Amino acid sequence: MCVSRVCICAFLLLTEASIALLARSPNIVFIVADDYGYRDIGYHGAEFASPTLDRLAAGGLKLENYYVQPICSPTRSQLMTGRYQIHTGLEHSIIWKSQPYGLPLKYPTIANMLKGQGYSTHAVGKWHLGFYKKEYTPLHRGFDTFYGYWSGGEDYYSHYTCDRPPHNGVKANQTSRAPPAARRYCGYDLRDMDQPVRDKDRTYSTLLYTKKAVDLIHSAAASDKVSV
């Protein structure tokens, strides 16, 4: 979900079973906020309030150096693989909706690694790491379930999205010079697992993703499984 170029996606990873008899693995909620400006949060002097995020930061560890990139797909690729984006081919730009590319399959994701430690894995929200082949989509990259959108953004209410990718040698920031048919690719993008969700038109995206995330957390809390 995107607000003024701030896109948020929560990855919720839930364990299948206890990994040790005496010590359980921790539950983890991993939240990615990409395209984030330094002053786009309250404790950095934003002109708007973010009390919940401020409270989380005050009670945790703030990493204030250069860990991510200024745009979506490169940031997500780094946090998902632990590799700088020059190794994944994402050092130049995002993955466009109509671009035949994705996070290279040779790199395991954090979800793959956690599954190897006994975790079940669940993704909610934005993917933006490629979907031109099913092998590049979340359910094939280590996640047991997915609820959200594969592309880089969607309309909050209609869950519809359009693309203006590079075309016939025209650079991404010059697509206005391309023919109209080449400038615009549109489609519906909201999925439960890998199937389109068609009954949520006019339902605000943030509410959909919040409910799904909370349901997953409550489900884990009510079981003897640990969550990440």
C-alpha atoms as a PDB file:
ATOM      1  CA  MET A   1       0.000   0.000   0.000  1.00  0.00           C
ATOM      2  CA  CYS A   2       1.375   3.400  -0.936  1.00  0.00           C
ATOM      3  CA  VAL A   3       0.919   6.824   0.620  1.00  0.00           C
ATOM      4  CA  SER A   4       2.992   9.659  -0.872  1.00  0.00           C
ATOM      5  CA  ARG A   5       5.583   7.134  -2.060  1.00  0.00           C
ATOM      6  CA  VAL A   6       5.638   5.320   1.262  1.00  0.00           C
ATOM      7  CA  CYS A   7       4.826   1.676   0.651  1.00  0.00           C
ATOM      8  CA  ILE A   8       4.337  -0.730   3.508  1.00  0.00           C
ATOM      9  CA  CYS A   9       4.325  -4.477   3.503  1.00  0.00           C
ATOM     10  CA  ALA A  10       4.255  -6.794   6.503  1.00  0.00           C
ATOM     11  CA  PHE A  11       5.705 -10.285   6.355  1.00  0.00           C
ATOM     12  CA  LEU A  12       4.336 -12.506   9.101  1.00  0.00           C
ATOM     13  CA  LEU A  13       6.112 -15.796   9.613  1.00  0.00           C
ATOM     14  CA  LEU A  14       4.555 -18.452  11.860  1.00  0.00           C
ATOM     15  CA  THR A  15       6.319 -21.606  13.037  1.00  0.00           C
ATOM     16  CA  GLU A  16       5.125 -25.127  12.372  1.00  0.00           C
ATOM     17  CA  ALA A  17       6.463 -26.538  15.655  1.00  0.00           C
ATOM     18  CA  SER A  18       8.788 -25.894  18.566  1.00  0.00           C
ATOM     19  CA  ILE A  19      12.388 -26.225  17.472  1.00  0.00           C
ATOM     20  CA  ALA A  20      13.815 -27.173  20.858  1.00  0.00           C
ATOM     21  CA  LEU A  21      12.413 -28.716  24.012  1.00  0.00           C
ATOM     22  CA  LEU A  22      13.683 -26.085  26.428  1.00  0.00           C
ATOM     23  CA  ALA A  23      13.907 -22.972  24.275  1.00  0.00           C
ATOM     24  CA  ARG A  24      11.386 -21.935  21.652  1.00  0.00           C
ATOM     25  CA  SER A  25      12.294 -19.857  18.642  1.00  0.00           C
ATOM     26  CA  PRO A  26      10.982 -16.278  18.842  1.00  0.00           C
ATOM     27  CA  ASN A  27       7.870 -15.084  17.107  1.00  0.00           C
ATOM     28  CA  ILE A  28       8.748 -12.425  14.533  1.00  0.00           C
ATOM     29  CA  VAL A  29       6.755  -9.725  12.754  1.00  0.00           C
ATOM     30  CA  PHE A  30       8.878  -8.281   9.938  1.00  0.00           C
ATOM     31  CA  ILE A  31       7.569  -4.970   8.553  1.00  0.00           C
ATOM     32  CA  VAL A  32       9.058  -3.398   5.417  1.00  0.00           C
ATOM     33  CA  ALA A  33       8.353   0.288   4.701  1.00  0.00           C
ATOM     34  CA  ASP A  34       9.989   1.259   1.415  1.00  0.00           C
ATOM     35  CA  ASP A  35      10.435   4.646  -0.299  1.00  0.00           C
ATOM     36  CA  TYR A  36      10.671   6.130   3.172  1.00  0.00           C
ATOM     37  CA  GLY A  37      12.100   9.626   3.670  1.00  0.00           C
ATOM     38  CA  TYR A  38      14.182  10.403   6.760  1.00  0.00           C
ATOM     39  CA  ARG A  39      11.547  12.807   8.129  1.00  0.00           C
ATOM     40  CA  ASP A  40       8.599  10.586   7.215  1.00  0.00           C
ATOM     41  CA  ILE A  41       8.336   9.363  10.810  1.00  0.00           C
ATOM     42  CA  GLY A  42       7.547  11.199  14.004  1.00  0.00           C
ATOM     43  CA  TYR A  43      10.752  10.643  15.951  1.00  0.00           C
ATOM     44  CA  HIS A  44      12.747  12.181  13.077  1.00  0.00           C
ATOM     45  CA  GLY A  45      10.752  15.404  13.215  1.00  0.00           C
ATOM     46  CA  ALA A  46       7.920  14.697  10.777  1.00  0.00           C
ATOM     47  CA  GLU A  47       5.168  17.291  10.413  1.00  0.00           C
ATOM     48  CA  PHE A  48       2.608  14.588  11.213  1.00  0.00           C
ATOM     49  CA  ALA A  49       2.221  12.177  14.120  1.00  0.00           C
ATOM     50  CA  SER A  50       3.264   8.511  14.053  1.00  0.00           C
ATOM     51  CA  PRO A  51       2.790   7.563  17.736  1.00  0.00           C
ATOM     52  CA  THR A  52       2.672   3.792  17.267  1.00  0.00           C
ATOM     53  CA  LEU A  53       5.871   3.677  15.213  1.00  0.00           C
ATOM     54  CA  ASP A  54       7.524   6.101  17.630  1.00  0.00           C
ATOM     55  CA  ARG A  55       6.586   3.861  20.535  1.00  0.00           C
ATOM     56  CA  LEU A  56       7.939   0.754  18.794  1.00  0.00           C
ATOM     57  CA  ALA A  57      11.197   2.550  18.016  1.00  0.00           C
ATOM     58  CA  ALA A  58      11.577   3.852  21.570  1.00  0.00           C
ATOM     59  CA  GLY A  59      11.222   0.339  22.960  1.00  0.00           C
ATOM     60  CA  GLY A  60      13.546  -1.280  20.447  1.00  0.00           C
ATOM     61  CA  LEU A  61      16.743  -0.727  18.506  1.00  0.00           C
ATOM     62  CA  LYS A  62      16.959   2.032  15.878  1.00  0.00           C
ATOM     63  CA  LEU A  63      19.387   1.361  13.025  1.00  0.00           C
ATOM     64  CA  GLU A  64      20.069   4.839  11.664  1.00  0.00           C
ATOM     65  CA  ASN A  65      22.666   4.207   8.971  1.00  0.00           C
ATOM     66  CA  TYR A  66      22.462   3.241   5.299  1.00  0.00           C
ATOM     67  CA  TYR A  67      20.780  -0.172   5.113  1.00  0.00           C
ATOM     68  CA  VAL A  68      18.301   0.127   2.246  1.00  0.00           C
ATOM     69  CA  GLN A  69      17.799   1.859  -1.106  1.00  0.00           C
ATOM     70  CA  PRO A  70      15.667   4.909  -2.040  1.00  0.00           C
ATOM     71  CA  ILE A  71      13.248   2.889  -4.194  1.00  0.00           C
ATOM     72  CA  CYS A  72      11.099  -0.202  -3.807  1.00  0.00           C
ATOM     73  CA  SER A  73      12.411  -3.358  -5.481  1.00  0.00           C
ATOM     74  CA  PRO A  74      16.108  -2.835  -4.596  1.00  0.00           C
ATOM     75  CA  THR A  75      15.228  -2.327  -0.914  1.00  0.00           C
ATOM     76  CA  ARG A  76      13.017  -5.393  -0.855  1.00  0.00           C
ATOM     77  CA  SER A  77      15.586  -7.544  -2.613  1.00  0.00           C
ATOM     78  CA  GLN A  78      18.267  -6.601  -0.069  1.00  0.00           C
ATOM     79  CA  LEU A  79      16.128  -7.322   2.976  1.00  0.00           C
ATOM     80  CA  MET A  80      14.739 -10.536   1.502  1.00  0.00           C
ATOM     81  CA  THR A  81      18.093 -11.992   0.454  1.00  0.00           C
ATOM     82  CA  GLY A  82      20.723 -10.217   2.547  1.00  0.00           C
ATOM     83  CA  ARG A  83      22.538  -9.301  -0.691  1.00  0.00           C
ATOM     84  CA  TYR A  84      23.354  -5.851  -2.020  1.00  0.00           C
ATOM     85  CA  GLN A  85      21.259  -5.097  -5.109  1.00  0.00           C
ATOM     86  CA  ILE A  86      24.212  -5.134  -7.526  1.00  0.00           C
ATOM     87  CA  HIS A  87      24.174  -8.926  -7.057  1.00  0.00           C
ATOM     88  CA  THR A  88      20.499  -9.297  -7.967  1.00  0.00           C
ATOM     89  CA  GLY A  89      20.389  -7.048 -11.037  1.00  0.00           C
ATOM     90  CA  LEU A  90      18.276  -4.440  -9.263  1.00  0.00           C
ATOM     91  CA  GLU A  91      20.843  -1.674  -8.942  1.00  0.00           C
ATOM     92  CA  HIS A  92      19.197   0.522 -11.583  1.00  0.00           C
ATOM     93  CA  SER A  93      15.476   0.716 -10.884  1.00  0.00           C
ATOM     94  CA  ILE A  94      12.315  -1.043  -9.756  1.00  0.00           C
ATOM     95  CA  ILE A  95      10.729  -4.083 -11.386  1.00  0.00           C
ATOM     96  CA  TRP A  96       8.009  -2.692 -13.646  1.00  0.00           C
ATOM     97  CA  LYS A  97       4.678  -4.503 -13.742  1.00  0.00           C
ATOM     98  CA  SER A  98       5.097  -5.511 -17.376  1.00  0.00           C
ATOM     99  CA  GLN A  99       8.838  -6.196 -17.135  1.00  0.00           C
ATOM    100  CA  PRO A 100       9.896  -9.840 -17.647  1.00  0.00           C
ATOM    101  CA  TYR A 101      12.175  -9.927 -14.624  1.00  0.00           C
ATOM    102  CA  GLY A 102      12.193 -10.856 -10.966  1.00  0.00           C
ATOM    103  CA  LEU A 103      14.444 -11.468  -7.992  1.00  0.00           C
ATOM    104  CA  PRO A 104      16.817 -14.162  -9.347  1.00  0.00           C
ATOM    105  CA  LEU A 105      15.728 -17.633  -8.313  1.00  0.00           C
ATOM    106  CA  LYS A 106      19.243 -18.650  -7.298  1.00  0.00           C
ATOM    107  CA  TYR A 107      19.005 -16.470  -4.187  1.00  0.00           C
ATOM    108  CA  PRO A 108      17.040 -17.916  -1.249  1.00  0.00           C
ATOM    109  CA  THR A 109      14.842 -15.497   0.665  1.00  0.00           C
ATOM    110  CA  ILE A 110      14.516 -14.969   4.393  1.00  0.00           C
ATOM    111  CA  ALA A 111      11.342 -17.061   4.158  1.00  0.00           C
ATOM    112  CA  ASN A 112      13.285 -19.970   2.644  1.00  0.00           C
ATOM    113  CA  MET A 113      15.860 -19.775   5.415  1.00  0.00           C
ATOM    114  CA  LEU A 114      13.286 -19.621   8.211  1.00  0.00           C
ATOM    115  CA  LYS A 115      11.355 -22.550   6.782  1.00  0.00           C
ATOM    116  CA  GLY A 116      14.577 -24.504   7.085  1.00  0.00           C
ATOM    117  CA  GLN A 117      14.438 -23.757  10.822  1.00  0.00           C
ATOM    118  CA  GLY A 118      10.884 -25.025  11.242  1.00  0.00           C
ATOM    119  CA  TYR A 119       8.911 -21.856  10.570  1.00  0.00           C
ATOM    120  CA  SER A 120       5.764 -21.504   8.525  1.00  0.00           C
ATOM    121  CA  THR A 121       5.783 -18.274   6.572  1.00  0.00           C
ATOM    122  CA  HIS A 122       3.089 -15.772   5.628  1.00  0.00           C
ATOM    123  CA  ALA A 123       3.284 -12.571   3.584  1.00  0.00           C
ATOM    124  CA  VAL A 124       0.742  -9.745   3.679  1.00  0.00           C
ATOM    125  CA  GLY A 125       0.743  -6.649   1.459  1.00  0.00           C
ATOM    126  CA  LYS A 126       3.128  -5.703  -1.302  1.00  0.00           C
ATOM    127  CA  TRP A 127       5.499  -8.071  -3.134  1.00  0.00           C
ATOM    128  CA  HIS A 128       7.191  -6.114  -5.977  1.00  0.00           C
ATOM    129  CA  LEU A 129       9.918  -8.697  -6.621  1.00  0.00           C
ATOM    130  CA  GLY A 130       8.593  -9.980  -9.938  1.00  0.00           C
ATOM    131  CA  PHE A 131       5.657 -12.073 -11.133  1.00  0.00           C
ATOM    132  CA  TYR A 132       6.180 -12.638 -14.840  1.00  0.00           C
ATOM    133  CA  LYS A 133       6.504 -16.376 -14.132  1.00  0.00           C
ATOM    134  CA  LYS A 134       4.894 -18.229 -11.246  1.00  0.00           C
ATOM    135  CA  GLU A 135       8.322 -19.262  -9.965  1.00  0.00           C
ATOM    136  CA  TYR A 136       8.977 -15.632  -9.016  1.00  0.00           C
ATOM    137  CA  THR A 137       5.804 -15.154  -6.966  1.00  0.00           C
ATOM    138  CA  PRO A 138       5.634 -15.348  -3.145  1.00  0.00           C
ATOM    139  CA  LEU A 139       4.296 -18.904  -2.863  1.00  0.00           C
ATOM    140  CA  HIS A 140       7.340 -20.111  -4.800  1.00  0.00           C
ATOM    141  CA  ARG A 141       9.839 -17.966  -2.861  1.00  0.00           C
ATOM    142  CA  GLY A 142       9.423 -19.535   0.554  1.00  0.00           C
ATOM    143  CA  PHE A 143       6.022 -18.268   1.703  1.00  0.00           C
ATOM    144  CA  ASP A 144       3.261 -20.672   2.689  1.00  0.00           C
ATOM    145  CA  THR A 145       0.517 -18.080   2.229  1.00  0.00           C
ATOM    146  CA  PHE A 146       0.200 -14.695   0.580  1.00  0.00           C
ATOM    147  CA  TYR A 147      -2.472 -11.988   0.711  1.00  0.00           C
ATOM    148  CA  GLY A 148      -1.816  -8.771  -1.172  1.00  0.00           C
ATOM    149  CA  TYR A 149      -0.576  -7.549  -4.531  1.00  0.00           C
ATOM    150  CA  TRP A 150       2.307  -8.707  -6.696  1.00  0.00           C
ATOM    151  CA  SER A 151       3.096  -5.376  -8.361  1.00  0.00           C
ATOM    152  CA  GLY A 152       4.556  -2.149  -6.978  1.00  0.00           C
ATOM    153  CA  GLY A 153       1.304  -0.373  -6.125  1.00  0.00           C
ATOM    154  CA  GLU A 154      -2.446  -0.479  -6.413  1.00  0.00           C
ATOM    155  CA  ASP A 155      -5.469   1.754  -5.971  1.00  0.00           C
ATOM    156  CA  TYR A 156      -6.577   1.674  -2.327  1.00  0.00           C
ATOM    157  CA  TYR A 157     -10.222   0.971  -3.194  1.00  0.00           C
ATOM    158  CA  SER A 158     -10.459  -0.613  -6.650  1.00  0.00           C
ATOM    159  CA  HIS A 159      -7.221  -2.648  -6.316  1.00  0.00           C
ATOM    160  CA  TYR A 160      -6.549  -1.719  -9.939  1.00  0.00           C
ATOM    161  CA  THR A 161      -3.137  -0.649 -11.204  1.00  0.00           C
ATOM    162  CA  CYS A 162      -1.486   0.663 -14.373  1.00  0.00           C
ATOM    163  CA  ASP A 163       2.067   0.619 -15.647  1.00  0.00           C
ATOM    164  CA  ARG A 164       4.150   2.971 -17.793  1.00  0.00           C
ATOM    165  CA  PRO A 165       7.261   0.894 -18.374  1.00  0.00           C
ATOM    166  CA  PRO A 166      10.227   1.494 -20.684  1.00  0.00           C
ATOM    167  CA  HIS A 167       9.160   0.631 -24.222  1.00  0.00           C
ATOM    168  CA  ASN A 168      11.000   0.310 -27.530  1.00  0.00           C
ATOM    169  CA  GLY A 169      14.089   2.087 -26.274  1.00  0.00           C
ATOM    170  CA  VAL A 170      12.128   4.807 -24.460  1.00  0.00           C
ATOM    171  CA  LYS A 171      13.424   5.304 -20.929  1.00  0.00           C
ATOM    172  CA  ALA A 172      11.095   4.993 -17.959  1.00  0.00           C
ATOM    173  CA  ASN A 173      11.010   8.745 -17.354  1.00  0.00           C
ATOM    174  CA  GLN A 174      10.343   9.426 -21.039  1.00  0.00           C
ATOM    175  CA  THR A 175       7.332   7.176 -21.610  1.00  0.00           C
ATOM    176  CA  SER A 176       5.156  10.192 -22.402  1.00  0.00           C
ATOM    177  CA  ARG A 177       6.883  10.168 -25.792  1.00  0.00           C
ATOM    178  CA  ALA A 178       5.797   6.613 -26.535  1.00  0.00           C
ATOM    179  CA  PRO A 179       2.558   5.794 -28.378  1.00  0.00           C
ATOM    180  CA  PRO A 180      -0.509   5.673 -26.069  1.00  0.00           C
ATOM    181  CA  ALA A 181      -0.869   1.911 -26.441  1.00  0.00           C
ATOM    182  CA  ALA A 182       2.729   1.467 -25.330  1.00  0.00           C
ATOM    183  CA  ARG A 183       2.475   3.751 -22.321  1.00  0.00           C
ATOM    184  CA  ARG A 184      -0.232   2.041 -20.361  1.00  0.00           C
ATOM    185  CA  TYR A 185      -0.765  -1.513 -19.120  1.00  0.00           C
ATOM    186  CA  CYS A 186      -3.567  -1.909 -16.598  1.00  0.00           C
ATOM    187  CA  GLY A 187      -5.060  -4.700 -14.535  1.00  0.00           C
ATOM    188  CA  TYR A 188      -6.537  -5.891 -11.260  1.00  0.00           C
ATOM    189  CA  ASP A 189      -4.024  -6.878  -8.592  1.00  0.00           C
ATOM    190  CA  LEU A 190      -5.277  -8.307  -5.302  1.00  0.00           C
ATOM    191  CA  ARG A 191      -4.642 -11.946  -4.487  1.00  0.00           C
ATOM    192  CA  ASP A 192      -5.328 -14.488  -1.787  1.00  0.00           C
ATOM    193  CA  MET A 193      -2.609 -17.103  -2.263  1.00  0.00           C
ATOM    194  CA  ASP A 194      -2.269 -16.943  -6.076  1.00  0.00           C
ATOM    195  CA  GLN A 195      -5.941 -16.379  -6.901  1.00  0.00           C
ATOM    196  CA  PRO A 196      -7.556 -12.983  -7.640  1.00  0.00           C
ATOM    197  CA  VAL A 197      -9.791 -11.591  -4.886  1.00  0.00           C
ATOM    198  CA  ARG A 198     -12.794 -10.133  -6.712  1.00  0.00           C
ATOM    199  CA  ASP A 199     -15.212  -9.276  -3.900  1.00  0.00           C
ATOM    200  CA  LYS A 200     -13.308  -6.419  -2.180  1.00  0.00           C
ATOM    201  CA  ASP A 201     -13.997  -3.559  -4.570  1.00  0.00           C
ATOM    202  CA  ARG A 202     -14.409  -0.289  -2.605  1.00  0.00           C
ATOM    203  CA  THR A 203     -12.853  -1.899   0.493  1.00  0.00           C
ATOM    204  CA  TYR A 204      -9.882   0.132   1.716  1.00  0.00           C
ATOM    205  CA  SER A 205      -6.613  -1.773   1.269  1.00  0.00           C
ATOM    206  CA  THR A 206      -5.098  -0.829   4.615  1.00  0.00           C
ATOM    207  CA  LEU A 207      -8.084  -2.319   6.426  1.00  0.00           C
ATOM    208  CA  LEU A 208      -7.824  -5.548   4.419  1.00  0.00           C
ATOM    209  CA  TYR A 209      -4.138  -6.023   5.165  1.00  0.00           C
ATOM    210  CA  THR A 210      -4.452  -5.019   8.809  1.00  0.00           C
ATOM    211  CA  LYS A 211      -7.213  -7.548   9.415  1.00  0.00           C
ATOM    212  CA  LYS A 212      -5.274 -10.316   7.680  1.00  0.00           C
ATOM    213  CA  ALA A 213      -2.116  -9.559   9.668  1.00  0.00           C
ATOM    214  CA  VAL A 214      -3.964  -9.382  12.989  1.00  0.00           C
ATOM    215  CA  ASP A 215      -5.786 -12.651  12.239  1.00  0.00           C
ATOM    216  CA  LEU A 216      -2.461 -14.376  11.578  1.00  0.00           C
ATOM    217  CA  ILE A 217      -0.957 -13.048  14.799  1.00  0.00           C
ATOM    218  CA  HIS A 218      -3.985 -14.078  16.861  1.00  0.00           C
ATOM    219  CA  SER A 219      -3.956 -17.513  15.282  1.00  0.00           C
ATOM    220  CA  ALA A 220      -0.328 -17.984  16.262  1.00  0.00           C
ATOM    221  CA  ALA A 221      -0.909 -16.669  19.786  1.00  0.00           C
ATOM    222  CA  ALA A 222      -3.724 -19.174  20.316  1.00  0.00           C
ATOM    223  CA  SER A 223      -1.547 -22.126  19.340  1.00  0.00           C
ATOM    224  CA  ASP A 224       1.650 -23.658  20.646  1.00  0.00           C
ATOM    225  CA  LYS A 225       3.538 -22.442  17.615  1.00  0.00           C
ATOM    226  CA  VAL A 226       6.036 -19.629  17.575  1.00  0.00           C
ATOM    227  CA  SER A 227       5.737 -16.769  15.090  1.00  0.00           C
ATOM    228  CA  VAL A 228       8.133 -14.725  13.035  1.00  0.00           C
END
